């Protein structure tokens, strides 16, 4: 079991870790993407909800 952890630790020493700037840039990219997708889904939800609500009220009122 100790051999496994020793080998894992040695492997972690060989990993090419991202720099601080790369991490910040990646985080900003993800946050912008999430914001854009959130706004897109909100807009689609609002449009469909309005269309369905108006359509259902027209059907219910006979018009």
Foldseek 3Di string as FASTA:
>chain_A
DVVVVVVVVVVVVVDDDDDPVVVVVVVVVVVVVVVVVVVVVVVVVVVVVVVVVVVVVCVVVPD
